[in-house]
């Protein structure tokens, strides 16, 4: 007996159906299929550059960076 693990993203349509194409090396006949449903989070559509300058630092950024680096010693 050989076990093949496949991982692929699929689209579930409004009828709750999916269609998958198995690799050619899967033989015809009876097989056991295990299905794991895991939601894929949608990506944030805003670019990171939209967040530049949004944090108000109470101290100088370079001073803070030097303070953090001094803790590494």
PDB file of N, CA and C in Angstrom:
ATOM      1  N   UNK A   1       0.848  -1.170   0.000  1.00  0.00           N
ATOM      2  CA  UNK A   1       0.000   0.000   0.000  1.00  0.00           C
ATOM      3  C   UNK A   1       0.896   1.237   0.000  1.00  0.00           C
ATOM      4  N   UNK A   2       0.564   2.198  -0.854  1.00  0.00           N
ATOM      5  CA  UNK A   2       1.299   3.458  -0.855  1.00  0.00           C
ATOM      6  C   UNK A   2       0.342   4.592  -0.511  1.00  0.00           C
ATOM      7  N   UNK A   3       0.852   5.556   0.201  1.00  0.00           N
ATOM      8  CA  UNK A   3       0.050   6.707   0.598  1.00  0.00           C
ATOM      9  C   UNK A   3       0.587   7.925  -0.126  1.00  0.00           C
ATOM     10  N   UNK A   4      -0.298   8.653  -0.761  1.00  0.00           N
ATOM     11  CA  UNK A   4       0.061   9.882  -1.463  1.00  0.00           C
ATOM     12  C   UNK A   4      -0.655  11.028  -0.769  1.00  0.00           C
ATOM     13  N   UNK A   5       0.067  12.081  -0.452  1.00  0.00           N
ATOM     14  CA  UNK A   5      -0.541  13.262   0.159  1.00  0.00           C
ATOM     15  C   UNK A   5      -0.509  14.389  -0.867  1.00  0.00           C
ATOM     16  N   UNK A   6      -1.659  14.981  -1.124  1.00  0.00           N
ATOM     17  CA  UNK A   6      -1.757  16.095  -2.062  1.00  0.00           C
ATOM     18  C   UNK A   6      -2.279  17.307  -1.312  1.00  0.00           C
ATOM     19  N   UNK A   7      -1.717  18.456  -1.606  1.00  0.00           N
ATOM     20  CA  UNK A   7      -2.220  19.691  -1.021  1.00  0.00           C
ATOM     21  C   UNK A   7      -2.466  20.661  -2.162  1.00  0.00           C
ATOM     22  N   UNK A   8      -3.681  21.193  -2.235  1.00  0.00           N
ATOM     23  CA  UNK A   8      -4.010  22.135  -3.296  1.00  0.00           C
ATOM     24  C   UNK A   8      -5.091  23.081  -2.811  1.00  0.00           C
ATOM     25  N   UNK A   9      -5.093  24.278  -3.351  1.00  0.00           N
ATOM     26  CA  UNK A   9      -6.171  25.221  -3.070  1.00  0.00           C
ATOM     27  C   UNK A   9      -7.288  24.947  -4.059  1.00  0.00           C
ATOM     28  N   UNK A  10      -8.518  24.935  -3.573  1.00  0.00           N
ATOM     29  CA  UNK A  10      -9.673  24.688  -4.437  1.00  0.00           C
ATOM     30  C   UNK A  10     -10.696  25.789  -4.216  1.00  0.00           C
ATOM     31  N   UNK A  11     -11.576  25.961  -5.195  1.00  0.00           N
ATOM     32  CA  UNK A  11     -12.670  26.920  -5.097  1.00  0.00           C
ATOM     33  C   UNK A  11     -13.961  26.145  -4.891  1.00  0.00           C
ATOM     34  N   UNK A  12     -14.701  26.515  -3.855  1.00  0.00           N
ATOM     35  CA  UNK A  12     -16.009  25.903  -3.599  1.00  0.00           C
ATOM     36  C   UNK A  12     -17.049  26.836  -4.215  1.00  0.00           C
ATOM     37  N   UNK A  13     -17.828  26.311  -5.192  1.00  0.00           N
ATOM     38  CA  UNK A  13     -18.811  27.162  -5.848  1.00  0.00           C
ATOM     39  C   UNK A  13     -20.087  27.271  -5.025  1.00  0.00           C
ATOM     40  N   UNK A  14     -21.059  28.038  -5.524  1.00  0.00           N
ATOM     41  CA  UNK A  14     -22.291  28.279  -4.754  1.00  0.00           C
ATOM     42  C   UNK A  14     -23.093  27.010  -4.530  1.00  0.00           C
ATOM     43  N   UNK A  15     -22.883  25.988  -5.350  1.00  0.00           N
ATOM     44  CA  UNK A  15     -23.554  24.701  -5.174  1.00  0.00           C
ATOM     45  C   UNK A  15     -22.802  23.792  -4.215  1.00  0.00           C
ATOM     46  N   UNK A  16     -21.734  24.333  -3.602  1.00  0.00           N
ATOM     47  CA  UNK A  16     -20.894  23.585  -2.660  1.00  0.00           C
ATOM     48  C   UNK A  16     -20.184  22.414  -3.330  1.00  0.00           C
ATOM     49  N   UNK A  17     -19.778  22.607  -4.579  1.00  0.00           N
ATOM     50  CA  UNK A  17     -19.064  21.570  -5.323  1.00  0.00           C
ATOM     51  C   UNK A  17     -17.657  22.045  -5.634  1.00  0.00           C
ATOM     52  N   UNK A  18     -16.740  21.089  -5.652  1.00  0.00           N
ATOM     53  CA  UNK A  18     -15.370  21.365  -6.069  1.00  0.00           C
ATOM     54  C   UNK A  18     -15.007  20.393  -7.175  1.00  0.00           C
ATOM     55  N   UNK A  19     -14.041  20.773  -7.965  1.00  0.00           N
ATOM     56  CA  UNK A  19     -13.535  19.875  -9.001  1.00  0.00           C
ATOM     57  C   UNK A  19     -12.022  19.816  -8.856  1.00  0.00           C
ATOM     58  N   UNK A  20     -11.489  18.608  -8.787  1.00  0.00           N
ATOM     59  CA  UNK A  20     -10.041  18.449  -8.675  1.00  0.00           C
ATOM     60  C   UNK A  20      -9.554  17.510  -9.774  1.00  0.00           C
ATOM     61  N   UNK A  21      -8.352  17.729 -10.216  1.00  0.00           N
ATOM     62  CA  UNK A  21      -7.711  16.860 -11.199  1.00  0.00           C
ATOM     63  C   UNK A  21      -6.569  16.146 -10.486  1.00  0.00           C
ATOM     64  N   UNK A  22      -6.660  14.821 -10.427  1.00  0.00           N
ATOM     65  CA  UNK A  22      -5.626  14.049  -9.752  1.00  0.00           C
ATOM     66  C   UNK A  22      -4.439  13.822 -10.686  1.00  0.00           C
ATOM     67  N   UNK A  23      -3.255  13.641 -10.120  1.00  0.00           N
ATOM     68  CA  UNK A  23      -2.072  13.358 -10.942  1.00  0.00           C
ATOM     69  C   UNK A  23      -2.220  12.028 -11.688  1.00  0.00           C
ATOM     70  N   UNK A  24      -1.497  11.893 -12.772  1.00  0.00           N
ATOM     71  CA  UNK A  24      -1.577  10.692 -13.612  1.00  0.00           C
ATOM     72  C   UNK A  24      -1.143   9.423 -12.888  1.00  0.00           C
ATOM     73  N   UNK A  25      -0.308   9.546 -11.846  1.00  0.00           N
ATOM     74  CA  UNK A  25       0.182   8.343 -11.167  1.00  0.00           C
ATOM     75  C   UNK A  25      -0.821   7.752 -10.175  1.00  0.00           C
ATOM     76  N   UNK A  26      -1.995   8.339 -10.037  1.00  0.00           N
ATOM     77  CA  UNK A  26      -3.042   7.761  -9.195  1.00  0.00           C
ATOM     78  C   UNK A  26      -3.782   6.733 -10.040  1.00  0.00           C
ATOM     79  N   UNK A  27      -3.797   5.495  -9.551  1.00  0.00           N
ATOM     80  CA  UNK A  27      -4.385   4.413 -10.356  1.00  0.00           C
ATOM     81  C   UNK A  27      -5.912   4.407 -10.255  1.00  0.00           C
ATOM     82  N   UNK A  28      -6.527   3.861 -11.280  1.00  0.00           N
ATOM     83  CA  UNK A  28      -7.970   3.694 -11.270  1.00  0.00           C
ATOM     84  C   UNK A  28      -8.342   2.652 -10.226  1.00  0.00           C
ATOM     85  N   UNK A  29      -9.454   2.837  -9.558  1.00  0.00           N
ATOM     86  CA  UNK A  29      -9.905   1.879  -8.562  1.00  0.00           C
ATOM     87  C   UNK A  29     -10.342   2.562  -7.281  1.00  0.00           C
ATOM     88  N   UNK A  30     -10.574   1.753  -6.263  1.00  0.00           N
ATOM     89  CA  UNK A  30     -11.038   2.269  -4.977  1.00  0.00           C
ATOM     90  C   UNK A  30      -9.883   2.890  -4.197  1.00  0.00           C
ATOM     91  N   UNK A  31     -10.160   4.024  -3.613  1.00  0.00           N
ATOM     92  CA  UNK A  31      -9.180   4.745  -2.794  1.00  0.00           C
ATOM     93  C   UNK A  31      -9.907   5.353  -1.606  1.00  0.00           C
ATOM     94  N   UNK A  32      -9.168   5.631  -0.536  1.00  0.00           N
ATOM     95  CA  UNK A  32      -9.700   6.381   0.585  1.00  0.00           C
ATOM     96  C   UNK A  32      -9.263   7.824   0.425  1.00  0.00           C
ATOM     97  N   UNK A  33     -10.198   8.749   0.573  1.00  0.00           N
ATOM     98  CA  UNK A  33      -9.917  10.177   0.442  1.00  0.00           C
ATOM     99  C   UNK A  33     -10.229  10.855   1.768  1.00  0.00           C
ATOM    100  N   UNK A  34      -9.275  11.636   2.280  1.00  0.00           N
ATOM    101  CA  UNK A  34      -9.474  12.408   3.502  1.00  0.00           C
ATOM    102  C   UNK A  34      -9.490  13.875   3.091  1.00  0.00           C
ATOM    103  N   UNK A  35     -10.548  14.575   3.456  1.00  0.00           N
ATOM    104  CA  UNK A  35     -10.716  15.974   3.081  1.00  0.00           C
ATOM    105  C   UNK A  35     -10.637  16.839   4.334  1.00  0.00           C
ATOM    106  N   UNK A  36      -9.754  17.843   4.309  1.00  0.00           N
ATOM    107  CA  UNK A  36      -9.618  18.790   5.422  1.00  0.00           C
ATOM    108  C   UNK A  36     -10.043  20.151   4.895  1.00  0.00           C
ATOM    109  N   UNK A  37     -11.021  20.769   5.548  1.00  0.00           N
ATOM    110  CA  UNK A  37     -11.506  22.086   5.145  1.00  0.00           C
ATOM    111  C   UNK A  37     -10.848  23.129   6.040  1.00  0.00           C
ATOM    112  N   UNK A  38     -10.116  24.050   5.447  1.00  0.00           N
ATOM    113  CA  UNK A  38      -9.458  25.114   6.178  1.00  0.00           C
ATOM    114  C   UNK A  38      -9.625  26.390   5.371  1.00  0.00           C
ATOM    115  N   UNK A  39     -10.191  27.403   5.964  1.00  0.00           N
ATOM    116  CA  UNK A  39     -10.394  28.663   5.253  1.00  0.00           C
ATOM    117  C   UNK A  39      -9.067  29.350   5.015  1.00  0.00           C
ATOM    118  N   UNK A  40      -8.898  29.898   3.838  1.00  0.00           N
ATOM    119  CA  UNK A  40      -7.708  30.652   3.489  1.00  0.00           C
ATOM    120  C   UNK A  40      -8.035  32.125   3.700  1.00  0.00           C
ATOM    121  N   UNK A  41      -7.303  32.802   4.587  1.00  0.00           N
ATOM    122  CA  UNK A  41      -7.621  34.214   4.823  1.00  0.00           C
ATOM    123  C   UNK A  41      -7.352  35.047   3.573  1.00  0.00           C
ATOM    124  N   UNK A  42      -8.208  36.027   3.366  1.00  0.00           N
ATOM    125  CA  UNK A  42      -8.015  36.925   2.229  1.00  0.00           C
ATOM    126  C   UNK A  42      -6.863  37.858   2.547  1.00  0.00           C
ATOM    127  N   UNK A  43      -6.102  38.179   1.519  1.00  0.00           N
ATOM    128  CA  UNK A  43      -4.960  39.069   1.701  1.00  0.00           C
ATOM    129  C   UNK A  43      -5.432  40.502   1.862  1.00  0.00           C
ATOM    130  N   UNK A  44      -4.685  41.253   2.666  1.00  0.00           N
ATOM    131  CA  UNK A  44      -4.963  42.666   2.842  1.00  0.00           C
ATOM    132  C   UNK A  44      -4.688  43.371   1.518  1.00  0.00           C
ATOM    133  N   UNK A  45      -5.666  44.099   1.016  1.00  0.00           N
ATOM    134  CA  UNK A  45      -5.501  44.728  -0.286  1.00  0.00           C
ATOM    135  C   UNK A  45      -4.740  46.050  -0.214  1.00  0.00           C
ATOM    136  N   UNK A  46      -4.473  46.546   1.004  1.00  0.00           N
ATOM    137  CA  UNK A  46      -3.736  47.797   1.135  1.00  0.00           C
ATOM    138  C   UNK A  46      -2.237  47.522   1.103  1.00  0.00           C
ATOM    139  N   UNK A  47      -1.497  48.288   0.330  1.00  0.00           N
ATOM    140  CA  UNK A  47      -0.034  48.117   0.343  1.00  0.00           C
ATOM    141  C   UNK A  47       0.546  48.623   1.670  1.00  0.00           C
ATOM    142  N   UNK A  48       1.655  48.053   2.076  1.00  0.00           N
ATOM    143  CA  UNK A  48       2.286  48.445   3.338  1.00  0.00           C
ATOM    144  C   UNK A  48       2.655  49.922   3.367  1.00  0.00           C
ATOM    145  N   UNK A  49       2.920  50.506   2.204  1.00  0.00           N
ATOM    146  CA  UNK A  49       3.287  51.918   2.162  1.00  0.00           C
ATOM    147  C   UNK A  49       2.170  52.819   2.675  1.00  0.00           C
ATOM    148  N   UNK A  50       0.931  52.340   2.700  1.00  0.00           N
ATOM    149  CA  UNK A  50      -0.180  53.127   3.238  1.00  0.00           C
ATOM    150  C   UNK A  50      -0.055  53.335   4.741  1.00  0.00           C
ATOM    151  N   UNK A  51       0.772  52.543   5.406  1.00  0.00           N
ATOM    152  CA  UNK A  51       0.909  52.622   6.853  1.00  0.00           C
ATOM    153  C   UNK A  51       2.118  53.445   7.298  1.00  0.00           C
ATOM    154  N   UNK A  52       2.907  53.926   6.370  1.00  0.00           N
ATOM    155  CA  UNK A  52       4.095  54.708   6.711  1.00  0.00           C
ATOM    156  C   UNK A  52       3.679  56.009   7.400  1.00  0.00           C
ATOM    157  N   UNK A  53       4.310  56.299   8.517  1.00  0.00           N
ATOM    158  CA  UNK A  53       4.050  57.540   9.231  1.00  0.00           C
ATOM    159  C   UNK A  53       2.793  57.528  10.081  1.00  0.00           C
ATOM    160  N   UNK A  54       2.189  56.379  10.287  1.00  0.00           N
ATOM    161  CA  UNK A  54       0.945  56.299  11.054  1.00  0.00           C
ATOM    162  C   UNK A  54       1.175  56.132  12.549  1.00  0.00           C
ATOM    163  N   UNK A  55       2.391  55.753  12.947  1.00  0.00           N
ATOM    164  CA  UNK A  55       2.690  55.558  14.365  1.00  0.00           C
ATOM    165  C   UNK A  55       3.422  56.788  14.881  1.00  0.00           C
ATOM    166  N   UNK A  56       2.904  57.361  15.952  1.00  0.00           N
ATOM    167  CA  UNK A  56       3.557  58.511  16.573  1.00  0.00           C
ATOM    168  C   UNK A  56       4.491  58.005  17.663  1.00  0.00           C
ATOM    169  N   UNK A  57       5.803  58.160  17.438  1.00  0.00           N
ATOM    170  CA  UNK A  57       6.793  57.728  18.411  1.00  0.00           C
ATOM    171  C   UNK A  57       6.977  58.810  19.452  1.00  0.00           C
ATOM    172  N   UNK A  58       7.093  58.398  20.713  1.00  0.00           N
ATOM    173  CA  UNK A  58       7.313  59.367  21.785  1.00  0.00           C
ATOM    174  C   UNK A  58       8.786  59.745  21.911  1.00  0.00           C
ATOM    175  N   UNK A  59       9.680  58.930  21.307  1.00  0.00           N
ATOM    176  CA  UNK A  59      11.106  59.242  21.315  1.00  0.00           C
ATOM    177  C   UNK A  59      11.621  59.195  19.881  1.00  0.00           C
ATOM    178  N   UNK A  60      12.818  59.719  19.708  1.00  0.00           N
ATOM    179  CA  UNK A  60      13.450  59.717  18.399  1.00  0.00           C
ATOM    180  C   UNK A  60      13.683  58.276  17.941  1.00  0.00           C
ATOM    181  N   UNK A  61      13.360  57.975  16.678  1.00  0.00           N
ATOM    182  CA  UNK A  61      13.473  56.609  16.174  1.00  0.00           C
ATOM    183  C   UNK A  61      14.906  56.084  16.237  1.00  0.00           C
ATOM    184  N   UNK A  62      15.878  56.931  15.896  1.00  0.00           N
ATOM    185  CA  UNK A  62      17.277  56.509  15.938  1.00  0.00           C
ATOM    186  C   UNK A  62      17.731  56.255  17.377  1.00  0.00           C
ATOM    187  N   UNK A  63      17.271  57.093  18.293  1.00  0.00           N
ATOM    188  CA  UNK A  63      17.587  56.887  19.710  1.00  0.00           C
ATOM    189  C   UNK A  63      17.028  55.550  20.195  1.00  0.00           C
ATOM    190  N   UNK A  64      15.795  55.246  19.806  1.00  0.00           N
ATOM    191  CA  UNK A  64      15.163  53.980  20.190  1.00  0.00           C
ATOM    192  C   UNK A  64      15.928  52.788  19.617  1.00  0.00           C
ATOM    193  N   UNK A  65      16.324  52.895  18.355  1.00  0.00           N
ATOM    194  CA  UNK A  65      17.072  51.818  17.704  1.00  0.00           C
ATOM    195  C   UNK A  65      18.410  51.586  18.406  1.00  0.00           C
ATOM    196  N   UNK A  66      19.110  52.648  18.740  1.00  0.00           N
ATOM    197  CA  UNK A  66      20.392  52.519  19.441  1.00  0.00           C
ATOM    198  C   UNK A  66      20.202  51.917  20.827  1.00  0.00           C
ATOM    199  N   UNK A  67      19.113  52.278  21.500  1.00  0.00           N
ATOM    200  CA  UNK A  67      18.818  51.722  22.823  1.00  0.00           C
ATOM    201  C   UNK A  67      18.582  50.216  22.721  1.00  0.00           C
ATOM    202  N   UNK A  68      17.830  49.788  21.728  1.00  0.00           N
ATOM    203  CA  UNK A  68      17.560  48.362  21.545  1.00  0.00           C
ATOM    204  C   UNK A  68      18.855  47.600  21.238  1.00  0.00           C
ATOM    205  N   UNK A  69      19.692  48.175  20.401  1.00  0.00           N
ATOM    206  CA  UNK A  69      20.947  47.505  20.047  1.00  0.00           C
ATOM    207  C   UNK A  69      21.880  47.393  21.243  1.00  0.00           C
ATOM    208  N   UNK A  70      21.846  48.379  22.139  1.00  0.00           N
ATOM    209  CA  UNK A  70      22.725  48.337  23.308  1.00  0.00           C
ATOM    210  C   UNK A  70      22.329  47.191  24.243  1.00  0.00           C
ATOM    211  N   UNK A  71      21.057  46.767  24.189  1.00  0.00           N
ATOM    212  CA  UNK A  71      20.605  45.648  25.011  1.00  0.00           C
ATOM    213  C   UNK A  71      21.143  44.309  24.501  1.00  0.00           C
ATOM    214  N   UNK A  72      21.569  44.256  23.263  1.00  0.00           N
ATOM    215  CA  UNK A  72      22.084  43.000  22.670  1.00  0.00           C
ATOM    216  C   UNK A  72      23.485  42.665  23.182  1.00  0.00           C
ATOM    217  N   UNK A  73      24.176  43.670  23.703  1.00  0.00           N
ATOM    218  CA  UNK A  73      25.580  43.468  24.121  1.00  0.00           C
ATOM    219  C   UNK A  73      25.670  42.740  25.422  1.00  0.00           C
TER     220      UNK A  73
END
